[in-house]
Amino acid sequence: MDDLWTEKHRPLDLDTLVLSPSIREKIRTWIADKSIPHLFLFGPVGTGKTTLAKIIINALDAVCLVLNASDERGIDAVRTRISDFAQAKAVMGKTKIIFLDEADRLTWEAQDALRNIMETYSQTTRFILSGNVEGRITDALRSRCTPIEFGTPDREEIFKRLTSILDSEEVKYDETDVKHIISAYYPDIRSMVKMLQDSSVEMADGNGKGTMCMLSLPHFTELADDIIEALCCCNHKKARELSKTREKVLIFRLLYDRIDAFPKESRGAILSLIGEHLYRHAFIPDKEINFAYFAYRVANVLKDFV
């Protein structure tokens, strides 16, 4: 079974992680001085929060407890596993770190209990919290952490990272396709890497030997224009057909980028629908049904302008 590129190419140090230079140097200093504060890493999925936490833990050779707060989100986990680990004596004076992934899923009661543990054991234990939504962490908990936001990674740095992965896998590619993937999935780097792997297949070269190539992605402008034309003709069924076998996040991004192709008076309503159904896409099991309903609603908006 082939390795998942998202794990195989997970950055192992600060130099290969896509970060702003200022944040990278700040963390490098903390590691060198062994003066890491409590941290709250927040931002969209797939931007490197968990990876950074693991890099810090490994760089400090820390004794660590790693919990996914979406699985153990209640106060019992805080009072037992987290409290017991914080109280325990560190082995040979090593740094102790408790990493709570998806900490924004903790209940308010659990967050309040966690705040007390952070205060009590701050001399011996450091906490790293990660979450997608900053506002789901209480002010009291956030005030005890140094925040690091993962929001707008540099696109050029992402491009360098993605092409280095393709080069290491000896995959032939078109730089334009890589840039299209970045536009479609930005800022979710994990989804970009997954798309690289999904698009890479072994193909025969002129000598009959196998070589890895990244499949040419559909001509984005033409695909967007065809879908927009179908919607403007109130033909939501055709729009659904055109989108089949396509990654729906990509389609939403295409329509967003081409919003000026819609009648001016309809753009606000269509942008609202793109945002709503893109959000639903992350949670709904059947992506096709979500897009079908989206296409129907957009066509319904456009019938008054055509």
C-alpha atoms as a PDB file:
ATOM      1  CA  MET A   1       0.000   0.000   0.000  1.00  0.00           C
ATOM      2  CA  ASP A   2       1.354   3.416  -0.969  1.00  0.00           C
ATOM      3  CA  ASP A   3       2.267   5.821   1.804  1.00  0.00           C
ATOM      4  CA  LEU A   4       0.017   8.813   2.301  1.00  0.00           C
ATOM      5  CA  TRP A   5       1.950  11.860   1.168  1.00  0.00           C
ATOM      6  CA  THR A   6       0.334  13.972   3.869  1.00  0.00           C
ATOM      7  CA  GLU A   7       2.196  11.836   6.441  1.00  0.00           C
ATOM      8  CA  LYS A   8       5.233  10.886   4.395  1.00  0.00           C
ATOM      9  CA  HIS A   9       6.022  14.534   3.671  1.00  0.00           C
ATOM     10  CA  ARG A  10       4.908  16.020   6.970  1.00  0.00           C
ATOM     11  CA  PRO A  11       7.597  18.600   7.878  1.00  0.00           C
ATOM     12  CA  LEU A  12       9.973  17.427  10.599  1.00  0.00           C
ATOM     13  CA  ASP A  13      11.643  20.754  11.369  1.00  0.00           C
ATOM     14  CA  LEU A  14      10.960  24.471  11.288  1.00  0.00           C
ATOM     15  CA  ASP A  15      12.848  24.979   8.025  1.00  0.00           C
ATOM     16  CA  THR A  16      10.466  22.791   6.017  1.00  0.00           C
ATOM     17  CA  LEU A  17       7.252  24.019   7.664  1.00  0.00           C
ATOM     18  CA  VAL A  18       5.436  26.847   5.879  1.00  0.00           C
ATOM     19  CA  LEU A  19       5.584  29.652   8.460  1.00  0.00           C
ATOM     20  CA  SER A  20       6.142  33.380   8.463  1.00  0.00           C
ATOM     21  CA  PRO A  21       9.843  34.186   9.093  1.00  0.00           C
ATOM     22  CA  SER A  22       9.038  36.142  12.266  1.00  0.00           C
ATOM     23  CA  ILE A  23       7.124  33.267  13.839  1.00  0.00           C
ATOM     24  CA  ARG A  24       9.792  30.769  12.769  1.00  0.00           C
ATOM     25  CA  GLU A  25      12.571  32.765  14.429  1.00  0.00           C
ATOM     26  CA  LYS A  26      10.546  33.348  17.574  1.00  0.00           C
ATOM     27  CA  ILE A  27       9.921  29.619  17.984  1.00  0.00           C
ATOM     28  CA  ARG A  28      13.553  28.838  17.167  1.00  0.00           C
ATOM     29  CA  THR A  29      14.615  31.137  20.016  1.00  0.00           C
ATOM     30  CA  TRP A  30      12.171  29.537  22.447  1.00  0.00           C
ATOM     31  CA  ILE A  31      13.501  26.092  21.593  1.00  0.00           C
ATOM     32  CA  ALA A  32      17.153  27.155  21.880  1.00  0.00           C
ATOM     33  CA  ASP A  33      16.519  28.769  25.280  1.00  0.00           C
ATOM     34  CA  LYS A  34      14.137  26.006  26.381  1.00  0.00           C
ATOM     35  CA  SER A  35      11.771  28.805  27.334  1.00  0.00           C
ATOM     36  CA  ILE A  36       8.652  27.737  25.477  1.00  0.00           C
ATOM     37  CA  PRO A  37       5.515  29.456  26.844  1.00  0.00           C
ATOM     38  CA  HIS A  38       2.000  28.050  26.851  1.00  0.00           C
ATOM     39  CA  LEU A  39       0.889  28.269  23.213  1.00  0.00           C
ATOM     40  CA  PHE A  40      -2.439  28.574  21.448  1.00  0.00           C
ATOM     41  CA  LEU A  41      -2.154  27.675  17.752  1.00  0.00           C
ATOM     42  CA  PHE A  42      -5.249  28.632  15.778  1.00  0.00           C
ATOM     43  CA  GLY A  43      -6.350  28.890  12.175  1.00  0.00           C
ATOM     44  CA  PRO A  44      -7.947  26.919   9.318  1.00  0.00           C
ATOM     45  CA  VAL A  45      -7.584  23.153   8.947  1.00  0.00           C
ATOM     46  CA  GLY A  46      -4.536  21.803   7.163  1.00  0.00           C
ATOM     47  CA  THR A  47      -2.262  24.792   7.795  1.00  0.00           C
ATOM     48  CA  GLY A  48       0.318  23.101  10.056  1.00  0.00           C
ATOM     49  CA  LYS A  49      -0.841  23.563  13.645  1.00  0.00           C
ATOM     50  CA  THR A  50      -0.451  19.929  14.697  1.00  0.00           C
ATOM     51  CA  THR A  51       2.801  19.638  12.757  1.00  0.00           C
ATOM     52  CA  LEU A  52       4.286  22.651  14.555  1.00  0.00           C
ATOM     53  CA  ALA A  53       3.314  21.224  17.947  1.00  0.00           C
ATOM     54  CA  LYS A  54       5.053  17.936  17.109  1.00  0.00           C
ATOM     55  CA  ILE A  55       8.167  19.765  15.868  1.00  0.00           C
ATOM     56  CA  ILE A  56       8.396  21.693  19.143  1.00  0.00           C
ATOM     57  CA  ILE A  57       7.902  18.560  21.242  1.00  0.00           C
ATOM     58  CA  ASN A  58      10.570  16.651  19.304  1.00  0.00           C
ATOM     59  CA  ALA A  59      13.031  19.555  19.286  1.00  0.00           C
ATOM     60  CA  LEU A  60      12.808  19.838  23.085  1.00  0.00           C
ATOM     61  CA  ASP A  61      12.914  16.043  23.507  1.00  0.00           C
ATOM     62  CA  ALA A  62       9.965  16.629  25.814  1.00  0.00           C
ATOM     63  CA  VAL A  63       7.938  14.155  27.799  1.00  0.00           C
ATOM     64  CA  CYS A  64       4.492  14.698  26.367  1.00  0.00           C
ATOM     65  CA  LEU A  65       0.841  13.831  26.658  1.00  0.00           C
ATOM     66  CA  VAL A  66      -1.077  14.201  23.400  1.00  0.00           C
ATOM     67  CA  LEU A  67      -4.864  14.296  23.478  1.00  0.00           C
ATOM     68  CA  ASN A  68      -7.424  15.035  20.818  1.00  0.00           C
ATOM     69  CA  ALA A  69      -9.945  17.216  22.593  1.00  0.00           C
ATOM     70  CA  SER A  70     -12.689  16.292  20.131  1.00  0.00           C
ATOM     71  CA  ASP A  71     -12.512  12.747  21.541  1.00  0.00           C
ATOM     72  CA  GLU A  72     -11.938  13.651  25.192  1.00  0.00           C
ATOM     73  CA  ARG A  73     -13.689  16.961  25.527  1.00  0.00           C
ATOM     74  CA  GLY A  74     -15.228  16.737  28.986  1.00  0.00           C
ATOM     75  CA  ILE A  75     -14.120  17.732  32.443  1.00  0.00           C
ATOM     76  CA  ASP A  76     -13.353  14.124  33.458  1.00  0.00           C
ATOM     77  CA  ALA A  77     -10.468  13.940  30.992  1.00  0.00           C
ATOM     78  CA  VAL A  78      -9.086  17.211  32.343  1.00  0.00           C
ATOM     79  CA  ARG A  79      -9.363  16.120  35.972  1.00  0.00           C
ATOM     80  CA  THR A  80      -7.876  12.664  35.424  1.00  0.00           C
ATOM     81  CA  ARG A  81      -5.474  12.248  32.498  1.00  0.00           C
ATOM     82  CA  ILE A  82      -4.342  15.869  32.206  1.00  0.00           C
ATOM     83  CA  SER A  83      -4.150  16.529  35.934  1.00  0.00           C
ATOM     84  CA  ASP A  84      -2.323  13.254  36.632  1.00  0.00           C
ATOM     85  CA  PHE A  85       0.265  13.948  33.928  1.00  0.00           C
ATOM     86  CA  ALA A  86       0.811  17.530  35.124  1.00  0.00           C
ATOM     87  CA  GLN A  87       1.389  16.333  38.685  1.00  0.00           C
ATOM     88  CA  ALA A  88       3.836  13.587  37.728  1.00  0.00           C
ATOM     89  CA  LYS A  89       7.548  14.261  38.093  1.00  0.00           C
ATOM     90  CA  ALA A  90       9.413  14.766  34.828  1.00  0.00           C
ATOM     91  CA  VAL A  91      11.974  12.107  33.899  1.00  0.00           C
ATOM     92  CA  MET A  92      15.544  13.399  34.320  1.00  0.00           C
ATOM     93  CA  GLY A  93      14.336  16.975  34.419  1.00  0.00           C
ATOM     94  CA  LYS A  94      12.940  16.910  30.877  1.00  0.00           C
ATOM     95  CA  THR A  95      10.400  19.452  29.720  1.00  0.00           C
ATOM     96  CA  LYS A  96       6.815  18.262  30.099  1.00  0.00           C
ATOM     97  CA  ILE A  97       4.313  19.285  27.441  1.00  0.00           C
ATOM     98  CA  ILE A  98       0.606  18.598  27.223  1.00  0.00           C
ATOM     99  CA  PHE A  99      -0.638  18.982  23.656  1.00  0.00           C
ATOM    100  CA  LEU A 100      -4.399  19.378  23.295  1.00  0.00           C
ATOM    101  CA  ASP A 101      -5.283  19.096  19.622  1.00  0.00           C
ATOM    102  CA  GLU A 102      -8.667  20.600  18.643  1.00  0.00           C
ATOM    103  CA  ALA A 103      -8.872  22.275  22.045  1.00  0.00           C
ATOM    104  CA  ASP A 104     -11.709  24.448  20.774  1.00  0.00           C
ATOM    105  CA  ARG A 105     -13.915  21.350  21.149  1.00  0.00           C
ATOM    106  CA  LEU A 106     -13.482  21.325  24.950  1.00  0.00           C
ATOM    107  CA  THR A 107     -16.591  22.164  26.948  1.00  0.00           C
ATOM    108  CA  TRP A 108     -16.602  25.486  28.813  1.00  0.00           C
ATOM    109  CA  GLU A 109     -16.500  23.587  32.101  1.00  0.00           C
ATOM    110  CA  ALA A 110     -13.452  21.602  30.958  1.00  0.00           C
ATOM    111  CA  GLN A 111     -11.706  24.780  29.811  1.00  0.00           C
ATOM    112  CA  ASP A 112     -12.261  26.352  33.224  1.00  0.00           C
ATOM    113  CA  ALA A 113     -10.750  23.308  34.944  1.00  0.00           C
ATOM    114  CA  LEU A 114      -7.841  23.356  32.493  1.00  0.00           C
ATOM    115  CA  ARG A 115      -7.116  26.985  33.341  1.00  0.00           C
ATOM    116  CA  ASN A 116      -6.655  26.046  37.003  1.00  0.00           C
ATOM    117  CA  ILE A 117      -4.270  23.209  36.119  1.00  0.00           C
ATOM    118  CA  MET A 118      -2.223  25.522  33.886  1.00  0.00           C
ATOM    119  CA  GLU A 119      -1.853  27.968  36.770  1.00  0.00           C
ATOM    120  CA  THR A 120      -0.967  25.313  39.344  1.00  0.00           C
ATOM    121  CA  TYR A 121       1.690  23.495  37.306  1.00  0.00           C
ATOM    122  CA  SER A 122       3.103  26.298  35.165  1.00  0.00           C
ATOM    123  CA  GLN A 123       6.582  25.798  36.674  1.00  0.00           C
ATOM    124  CA  THR A 124       6.855  22.194  35.490  1.00  0.00           C
ATOM    125  CA  THR A 125       4.449  21.761  32.559  1.00  0.00           C
ATOM    126  CA  ARG A 126       3.797  23.623  29.331  1.00  0.00           C
ATOM    127  CA  PHE A 127       0.550  23.449  27.379  1.00  0.00           C
ATOM    128  CA  ILE A 128       0.116  23.656  23.621  1.00  0.00           C
ATOM    129  CA  LEU A 129      -3.485  24.111  22.494  1.00  0.00           C
ATOM    130  CA  SER A 130      -4.618  24.029  18.888  1.00  0.00           C
ATOM    131  CA  GLY A 131      -7.962  24.944  17.380  1.00  0.00           C
ATOM    132  CA  ASN A 132      -9.675  26.114  14.223  1.00  0.00           C
ATOM    133  CA  VAL A 133     -11.831  28.812  15.833  1.00  0.00           C
ATOM    134  CA  GLU A 134     -10.204  31.297  18.184  1.00  0.00           C
ATOM    135  CA  GLY A 135     -13.513  32.384  19.734  1.00  0.00           C
ATOM    136  CA  ARG A 136     -14.276  28.885  21.035  1.00  0.00           C
ATOM    137  CA  ILE A 137     -11.492  29.193  23.598  1.00  0.00           C
ATOM    138  CA  THR A 138     -12.395  31.191  26.707  1.00  0.00           C
ATOM    139  CA  ASP A 139     -10.730  34.551  27.276  1.00  0.00           C
ATOM    140  CA  ALA A 140      -9.289  33.255  30.550  1.00  0.00           C
ATOM    141  CA  LEU A 141      -7.567  30.358  28.790  1.00  0.00           C
ATOM    142  CA  ARG A 142      -6.366  32.445  25.841  1.00  0.00           C
ATOM    143  CA  SER A 143      -4.865  35.062  28.160  1.00  0.00           C
ATOM    144  CA  ARG A 144      -2.531  32.416  29.601  1.00  0.00           C
ATOM    145  CA  CYS A 145      -1.190  31.428  26.166  1.00  0.00           C
ATOM    146  CA  THR A 146       0.930  33.069  23.512  1.00  0.00           C
ATOM    147  CA  PRO A 147      -1.221  33.053  20.351  1.00  0.00           C
ATOM    148  CA  ILE A 148       0.148  31.955  16.989  1.00  0.00           C
ATOM    149  CA  GLU A 149      -2.223  32.421  14.073  1.00  0.00           C
ATOM    150  CA  PHE A 150      -2.110  30.190  10.997  1.00  0.00           C
ATOM    151  CA  GLY A 151      -4.157  32.219   8.578  1.00  0.00           C
ATOM    152  CA  THR A 152      -2.384  33.436   5.488  1.00  0.00           C
ATOM    153  CA  PRO A 153       0.628  31.275   4.620  1.00  0.00           C
ATOM    154  CA  ASP A 154       2.777  32.698   1.835  1.00  0.00           C
ATOM    155  CA  ARG A 155       1.661  31.251  -1.514  1.00  0.00           C
ATOM    156  CA  GLU A 156       5.188  31.249  -2.901  1.00  0.00           C
ATOM    157  CA  GLU A 157       6.394  29.246   0.103  1.00  0.00           C
ATOM    158  CA  ILE A 158       3.549  26.790  -0.424  1.00  0.00           C
ATOM    159  CA  PHE A 159       4.488  26.490  -4.101  1.00  0.00           C
ATOM    160  CA  LYS A 160       8.099  25.691  -3.184  1.00  0.00           C
ATOM    161  CA  ARG A 161       6.934  23.098  -0.673  1.00  0.00           C
ATOM    162  CA  LEU A 162       4.555  21.376  -3.111  1.00  0.00           C
ATOM    163  CA  THR A 163       7.055  21.281  -5.971  1.00  0.00           C
ATOM    164  CA  SER A 164       9.739  19.900  -3.649  1.00  0.00           C
ATOM    165  CA  ILE A 165       7.362  17.046  -2.780  1.00  0.00           C
ATOM    166  CA  LEU A 166       6.713  16.339  -6.459  1.00  0.00           C
ATOM    167  CA  ASP A 167      10.444  16.461  -7.202  1.00  0.00           C
ATOM    168  CA  SER A 168      11.229  14.045  -4.372  1.00  0.00           C
ATOM    169  CA  GLU A 169       8.570  11.652  -5.702  1.00  0.00           C
ATOM    170  CA  GLU A 170      10.035  12.064  -9.228  1.00  0.00           C
ATOM    171  CA  VAL A 171       6.695  13.237 -10.597  1.00  0.00           C
ATOM    172  CA  LYS A 172       6.572  15.296 -13.780  1.00  0.00           C
ATOM    173  CA  TYR A 173       4.265  18.282 -13.457  1.00  0.00           C
ATOM    174  CA  ASP A 174       3.133  21.556 -14.953  1.00  0.00           C
ATOM    175  CA  GLU A 175       3.750  24.520 -12.631  1.00  0.00           C
ATOM    176  CA  THR A 176       0.450  26.066 -13.716  1.00  0.00           C
ATOM    177  CA  ASP A 177      -1.466  23.056 -12.397  1.00  0.00           C
ATOM    178  CA  VAL A 178       0.325  23.312  -9.043  1.00  0.00           C
ATOM    179  CA  LYS A 179      -0.645  26.986  -8.798  1.00  0.00           C
ATOM    180  CA  HIS A 180      -4.265  26.116  -9.612  1.00  0.00           C
ATOM    181  CA  ILE A 181      -4.279  23.602  -6.749  1.00  0.00           C
ATOM    182  CA  ILE A 182      -2.947  26.276  -4.395  1.00  0.00           C
ATOM    183  CA  SER A 183      -5.708  28.678  -5.456  1.00  0.00           C
ATOM    184  CA  ALA A 184      -8.398  26.025  -5.072  1.00  0.00           C
ATOM    185  CA  TYR A 185      -7.437  24.807  -1.597  1.00  0.00           C
ATOM    186  CA  TYR A 186      -5.702  27.803  -0.023  1.00  0.00           C
ATOM    187  CA  PRO A 187      -4.850  27.889   2.873  1.00  0.00           C
ATOM    188  CA  ASP A 188      -5.372  24.124   3.462  1.00  0.00           C
ATOM    189  CA  ILE A 189      -1.908  22.763   2.633  1.00  0.00           C
ATOM    190  CA  ARG A 190      -2.847  19.230   3.693  1.00  0.00           C
ATOM    191  CA  SER A 191      -5.592  19.092   1.053  1.00  0.00           C
ATOM    192  CA  MET A 192      -3.148  20.436  -1.535  1.00  0.00           C
ATOM    193  CA  VAL A 193      -0.694  17.610  -0.809  1.00  0.00           C
ATOM    194  CA  LYS A 194      -3.511  15.065  -0.988  1.00  0.00           C
ATOM    195  CA  MET A 195      -4.570  16.477  -4.366  1.00  0.00           C
ATOM    196  CA  LEU A 196      -0.984  16.151  -5.637  1.00  0.00           C
ATOM    197  CA  GLN A 197      -0.969  12.463  -4.751  1.00  0.00           C
ATOM    198  CA  ASP A 198      -4.455  11.844  -6.155  1.00  0.00           C
ATOM    199  CA  SER A 199      -3.444  13.490  -9.448  1.00  0.00           C
ATOM    200  CA  SER A 200      -0.149  11.606  -9.835  1.00  0.00           C
ATOM    201  CA  VAL A 201      -0.188   8.364 -11.800  1.00  0.00           C
ATOM    202  CA  GLU A 202       2.337   6.119 -13.511  1.00  0.00           C
ATOM    203  CA  MET A 203       2.348   6.543 -17.292  1.00  0.00           C
ATOM    204  CA  ALA A 204       4.448   4.973 -20.046  1.00  0.00           C
ATOM    205  CA  ASP A 205       7.082   7.171 -21.626  1.00  0.00           C
ATOM    206  CA  GLY A 206       8.261   6.968 -25.230  1.00  0.00           C
ATOM    207  CA  ASN A 207      10.459   3.966 -24.415  1.00  0.00           C
ATOM    208  CA  GLY A 208       7.665   2.018 -22.801  1.00  0.00           C
ATOM    209  CA  LYS A 209       9.023   2.621 -19.305  1.00  0.00           C
ATOM    210  CA  GLY A 210       6.845   3.775 -16.468  1.00  0.00           C
ATOM    211  CA  THR A 211       7.208   7.309 -15.198  1.00  0.00           C
ATOM    212  CA  MET A 212       5.191   9.263 -12.649  1.00  0.00           C
ATOM    213  CA  CYS A 213       3.255  12.195 -14.056  1.00  0.00           C
ATOM    214  CA  MET A 214       0.802  14.602 -12.532  1.00  0.00           C
ATOM    215  CA  LEU A 215      -2.411  14.438 -14.537  1.00  0.00           C
ATOM    216  CA  SER A 216      -3.313  17.656 -16.282  1.00  0.00           C
ATOM    217  CA  LEU A 217      -6.135  19.239 -14.370  1.00  0.00           C
ATOM    218  CA  PRO A 218      -9.220  20.398 -16.263  1.00  0.00           C
ATOM    219  CA  HIS A 219      -8.943  23.723 -18.027  1.00  0.00           C
ATOM    220  CA  PHE A 220     -10.196  25.810 -15.146  1.00  0.00           C
ATOM    221  CA  THR A 221     -11.441  28.846 -17.036  1.00  0.00           C
ATOM    222  CA  GLU A 222     -13.415  26.771 -19.532  1.00  0.00           C
ATOM    223  CA  LEU A 223     -14.927  24.602 -16.799  1.00  0.00           C
ATOM    224  CA  ALA A 224     -16.001  27.662 -14.815  1.00  0.00           C
ATOM    225  CA  ASP A 225     -17.446  29.337 -17.909  1.00  0.00           C
ATOM    226  CA  ASP A 226     -19.441  26.223 -18.839  1.00  0.00           C
ATOM    227  CA  ILE A 227     -20.914  25.917 -15.345  1.00  0.00           C
ATOM    228  CA  ILE A 228     -21.732  29.634 -15.194  1.00  0.00           C
ATOM    229  CA  GLU A 229     -23.397  29.470 -18.625  1.00  0.00           C
ATOM    230  CA  ALA A 230     -25.520  26.529 -17.501  1.00  0.00           C
ATOM    231  CA  LEU A 231     -26.554  28.336 -14.314  1.00  0.00           C
ATOM    232  CA  CYS A 232     -27.371  31.548 -16.180  1.00  0.00           C
ATOM    233  CA  CYS A 233     -29.629  29.475 -18.441  1.00  0.00           C
ATOM    234  CA  CYS A 234     -31.278  28.180 -15.255  1.00  0.00           C
ATOM    235  CA  ASN A 235     -30.066  24.698 -16.199  1.00  0.00           C
ATOM    236  CA  HIS A 236     -28.968  23.459 -12.794  1.00  0.00           C
ATOM    237  CA  LYS A 237     -29.004  19.844 -14.012  1.00  0.00           C
ATOM    238  CA  LYS A 238     -26.323  20.599 -16.599  1.00  0.00           C
ATOM    239  CA  ALA A 239     -24.254  22.429 -13.970  1.00  0.00           C
ATOM    240  CA  ARG A 240     -24.431  19.315 -11.799  1.00  0.00           C
ATOM    241  CA  GLU A 241     -23.313  17.120 -14.705  1.00  0.00           C
ATOM    242  CA  LEU A 242     -20.350  19.381 -15.457  1.00  0.00           C
ATOM    243  CA  SER A 243     -19.248  19.251 -11.822  1.00  0.00           C
ATOM    244  CA  LYS A 244     -19.403  15.457 -11.516  1.00  0.00           C
ATOM    245  CA  THR A 245     -16.066  13.751 -10.763  1.00  0.00           C
ATOM    246  CA  ARG A 246     -14.705  17.187  -9.861  1.00  0.00           C
ATOM    247  CA  GLU A 247     -13.674  18.134  -6.347  1.00  0.00           C
ATOM    248  CA  LYS A 248     -16.485  20.385  -5.150  1.00  0.00           C
ATOM    249  CA  VAL A 249     -14.217  22.697  -3.153  1.00  0.00           C
ATOM    250  CA  LEU A 250     -12.482  23.417  -6.441  1.00  0.00           C
ATOM    251  CA  ILE A 251     -15.789  24.233  -8.140  1.00  0.00           C
ATOM    252  CA  PHE A 252     -16.810  26.647  -5.396  1.00  0.00           C
ATOM    253  CA  ARG A 253     -13.435  28.369  -5.697  1.00  0.00           C
ATOM    254  CA  LEU A 254     -13.754  28.600  -9.476  1.00  0.00           C
ATOM    255  CA  LEU A 255     -17.165  30.254  -9.197  1.00  0.00           C
ATOM    256  CA  TYR A 256     -15.871  32.647  -6.546  1.00  0.00           C
ATOM    257  CA  ASP A 257     -12.908  33.636  -8.734  1.00  0.00           C
ATOM    258  CA  ARG A 258     -15.246  34.176 -11.706  1.00  0.00           C
ATOM    259  CA  ILE A 259     -18.009  35.976  -9.802  1.00  0.00           C
ATOM    260  CA  ASP A 260     -17.828  38.948 -12.212  1.00  0.00           C
ATOM    261  CA  ALA A 261     -19.160  36.679 -14.973  1.00  0.00           C
ATOM    262  CA  PHE A 262     -22.562  36.648 -13.259  1.00  0.00           C
ATOM    263  CA  PRO A 263     -25.057  39.534 -13.677  1.00  0.00           C
ATOM    264  CA  LYS A 264     -24.000  42.358 -11.400  1.00  0.00           C
ATOM    265  CA  GLU A 265     -27.240  42.467  -9.397  1.00  0.00           C
ATOM    266  CA  SER A 266     -27.001  38.743  -8.596  1.00  0.00           C
ATOM    267  CA  ARG A 267     -23.420  38.623  -7.308  1.00  0.00           C
ATOM    268  CA  GLY A 268     -24.161  39.373  -3.665  1.00  0.00           C
ATOM    269  CA  ALA A 269     -26.739  36.588  -3.419  1.00  0.00           C
ATOM    270  CA  ILE A 270     -24.489  34.120  -5.250  1.00  0.00           C
ATOM    271  CA  LEU A 271     -21.494  34.932  -3.034  1.00  0.00           C
ATOM    272  CA  SER A 272     -23.700  34.262  -0.025  1.00  0.00           C
ATOM    273  CA  LEU A 273     -24.714  30.879  -1.457  1.00  0.00           C
ATOM    274  CA  ILE A 274     -21.099  29.970  -2.254  1.00  0.00           C
ATOM    275  CA  GLY A 275     -20.097  30.721   1.341  1.00  0.00           C
ATOM    276  CA  GLU A 276     -23.060  28.840   2.814  1.00  0.00           C
ATOM    277  CA  HIS A 277     -22.631  25.683   0.737  1.00  0.00           C
ATOM    278  CA  LEU A 278     -18.843  25.682   1.056  1.00  0.00           C
ATOM    279  CA  TYR A 279     -19.351  25.656   4.819  1.00  0.00           C
ATOM    280  CA  ARG A 280     -21.910  22.850   4.524  1.00  0.00           C
ATOM    281  CA  HIS A 281     -19.470  20.911   2.332  1.00  0.00           C
ATOM    282  CA  ALA A 282     -17.189  20.390   5.329  1.00  0.00           C
ATOM    283  CA  PHE A 283     -19.906  18.615   7.322  1.00  0.00           C
ATOM    284  CA  ILE A 284     -22.426  17.029   4.963  1.00  0.00           C
ATOM    285  CA  PRO A 285     -21.779  13.359   4.043  1.00  0.00           C
ATOM    286  CA  ASP A 286     -23.085  13.538   0.456  1.00  0.00           C
ATOM    287  CA  LYS A 287     -21.199  16.318  -1.355  1.00  0.00           C
ATOM    288  CA  GLU A 288     -23.159  15.747  -4.570  1.00  0.00           C
ATOM    289  CA  ILE A 289     -26.488  16.530  -2.886  1.00  0.00           C
ATOM    290  CA  ASN A 290     -25.022  19.669  -1.336  1.00  0.00           C
ATOM    291  CA  PHE A 291     -23.792  20.883  -4.733  1.00  0.00           C
ATOM    292  CA  ALA A 292     -27.059  19.931  -6.443  1.00  0.00           C
ATOM    293  CA  TYR A 293     -28.990  22.076  -3.974  1.00  0.00           C
ATOM    294  CA  PHE A 294     -26.458  24.886  -4.441  1.00  0.00           C
ATOM    295  CA  ALA A 295     -26.857  24.776  -8.247  1.00  0.00           C
ATOM    296  CA  TYR A 296     -30.654  24.784  -7.920  1.00  0.00           C
ATOM    297  CA  ARG A 297     -30.601  27.826  -5.622  1.00  0.00           C
ATOM    298  CA  VAL A 298     -28.171  29.768  -7.842  1.00  0.00           C
ATOM    299  CA  ALA A 299     -30.251  29.018 -10.941  1.00  0.00           C
ATOM    300  CA  ASN A 300     -33.312  30.195  -9.038  1.00  0.00           C
ATOM    301  CA  VAL A 301     -31.562  33.490  -8.215  1.00  0.00           C
ATOM    302  CA  LEU A 302     -30.470  33.967 -11.807  1.00  0.00           C
ATOM    303  CA  LYS A 303     -33.902  33.413 -13.354  1.00  0.00           C
ATOM    304  CA  ASP A 304     -34.786  37.013 -12.492  1.00  0.00           C
ATOM    305  CA  PHE A 305     -31.774  38.369 -14.422  1.00  0.00           C
ATOM    306  CA  VAL A 306     -31.868  36.390 -17.671  1.00  0.00           C
END
